């Protein structure tokens, strides 16, 4: 069991070790679905300290992913607003330039 490997560590340290290993796995490309299967395996073995660390990593990753996705949509919306403003501004400047050219032609 994990006690043999982490015998010298306290409960919080064991949770932190499994959390860090799960984060490492995620960073190396492991899907959250695969990590949930690992979590289920540890639950079946009643190894609850590793479960706590793995679950924490899953929850934090989901929370961060949600924030990033939400911020991404905010950025896209803001970009579209800016593009719209720039397009309107440029249309205004083009029309203004055309009007000024027309005024010069009339006065000449």
Protein backbone atom coordinates (compact mmCIF):
# COMPACT_ATOMS: atom_id res chain seq x y z
CA UNK A 1 0.00 0.00 0.00
CA UNK A 2 0.94 3.66 -0.15
CA UNK A 3 1.84 3.55 3.55
CA UNK A 4 5.00 1.63 2.64
CA UNK A 5 6.10 4.31 0.18
CA UNK A 6 5.05 7.33 2.21
CA UNK A 7 5.53 5.86 5.68
CA UNK A 8 7.55 8.84 6.86
CA UNK A 9 4.92 11.39 5.75
CA UNK A 10 1.87 12.69 7.56
CA UNK A 11 -1.68 12.60 6.15
CA UNK A 12 -1.53 16.07 4.62
CA UNK A 13 1.81 15.29 3.00
CA UNK A 14 0.43 12.08 1.46
CA UNK A 15 -2.55 13.99 0.07
CA UNK A 16 -0.17 16.63 -1.32
CA UNK A 17 2.06 13.98 -2.93
CA UNK A 18 -0.86 12.38 -4.77
CA UNK A 19 -2.18 15.80 -5.71
CA UNK A 20 1.19 16.71 -7.23
CA UNK A 21 1.41 13.38 -9.06
CA UNK A 22 -2.10 13.89 -10.47
CA UNK A 23 -1.24 17.43 -11.58
CA UNK A 24 1.90 16.06 -13.23
CA UNK A 25 -0.18 13.44 -15.04
CA UNK A 26 -2.62 16.11 -16.25
CA UNK A 27 0.25 18.29 -17.45
CA UNK A 28 1.65 15.30 -19.34
CA UNK A 29 -1.64 14.87 -21.18
CA UNK A 30 -3.72 12.51 -19.05
CA UNK A 31 -7.40 13.25 -19.48
CA UNK A 32 -9.61 14.01 -16.51
CA UNK A 33 -11.71 10.99 -17.47
CA UNK A 34 -8.66 8.71 -17.18
CA UNK A 35 -7.77 10.31 -13.86
CA UNK A 36 -11.32 9.71 -12.63
CA UNK A 37 -10.80 6.00 -13.38
CA UNK A 38 -7.62 6.08 -11.30
CA UNK A 39 -9.59 7.81 -8.53
CA UNK A 40 -12.26 5.11 -8.68
CA UNK A 41 -9.57 2.42 -8.42
CA UNK A 42 -8.13 4.01 -5.28
CA UNK A 43 -11.65 4.33 -3.84
CA UNK A 44 -12.23 0.61 -4.42
CA UNK A 45 -8.96 -0.09 -2.59
CA UNK A 46 -10.17 2.24 0.19
CA UNK A 47 -7.02 4.33 -0.11
CA UNK A 48 -8.70 7.56 0.88
CA UNK A 49 -5.65 9.81 1.29
CA UNK A 50 -4.56 9.29 -2.33
CA UNK A 51 -8.22 9.81 -3.32
CA UNK A 52 -8.24 13.17 -1.58
CA UNK A 53 -5.16 14.34 -3.48
CA UNK A 54 -6.38 13.10 -6.85
CA UNK A 55 -9.86 14.55 -6.31
CA UNK A 56 -8.36 17.92 -5.38
CA UNK A 57 -6.32 17.93 -8.61
CA UNK A 58 -9.40 17.07 -10.70
CA UNK A 59 -11.53 19.76 -9.03
CA UNK A 60 -8.87 22.45 -9.38
CA UNK A 61 -8.26 21.57 -13.02
CA UNK A 62 -11.99 21.73 -13.76
CA UNK A 63 -12.28 25.08 -11.97
CA UNK A 64 -9.31 26.56 -13.81
CA UNK A 65 -10.53 25.17 -17.15
CA UNK A 66 -13.92 26.74 -16.54
CA UNK A 67 -12.33 30.10 -15.72
CA UNK A 68 -10.08 29.97 -18.78
CA UNK A 69 -12.98 29.03 -21.03
CA UNK A 70 -15.10 31.81 -19.54
CA UNK A 71 -12.27 34.32 -19.97
CA UNK A 72 -11.73 33.09 -23.53
CA UNK A 73 -15.34 33.88 -24.39
CA UNK A 74 -14.99 37.29 -22.72
CA UNK A 75 -11.89 37.99 -24.82
CA UNK A 76 -13.67 36.89 -28.00
CA UNK A 77 -16.64 39.10 -27.18
CA UNK A 78 -14.37 42.06 -26.39
CA UNK A 79 -12.40 41.47 -29.60
CA UNK A 80 -15.60 41.44 -31.62
CA UNK A 81 -16.72 44.66 -29.95
CA UNK A 82 -13.36 46.28 -30.73
CA UNK A 83 -13.49 45.04 -34.32
CA UNK A 84 -16.99 46.51 -34.62
CA UNK A 85 -15.81 49.82 -33.18
CA UNK A 86 -12.79 49.93 -35.46
CA UNK A 87 -14.95 49.08 -38.46
CA UNK A 88 -17.44 51.81 -37.55
CA UNK A 89 -14.61 54.28 -36.90
CA UNK A 90 -12.92 53.44 -40.16
CA UNK A 91 -16.25 53.72 -42.04
CA UNK A 92 -16.75 57.12 -40.39
CA UNK A 93 -13.26 58.27 -41.42
CA UNK A 94 -13.74 57.01 -44.99
CA UNK A 95 -17.08 58.81 -45.26
CA UNK A 96 -15.56 61.94 -43.72
CA UNK A 97 -12.67 61.83 -46.20
CA UNK A 98 -15.08 61.32 -49.09
CA UNK A 99 -17.19 64.27 -47.91
CA UNK A 100 -14.09 66.46 -47.62
CA UNK A 101 -12.99 65.47 -51.12
CA UNK A 102 -16.48 66.25 -52.42
CA UNK A 103 -16.35 69.65 -50.69
CA UNK A 104 -12.99 70.43 -52.33
CA UNK A 105 -14.32 69.44 -55.74
CA UNK A 106 -17.34 71.70 -55.27
CA UNK A 107 -15.22 74.64 -54.15
CA UNK A 108 -12.72 74.21 -57.01
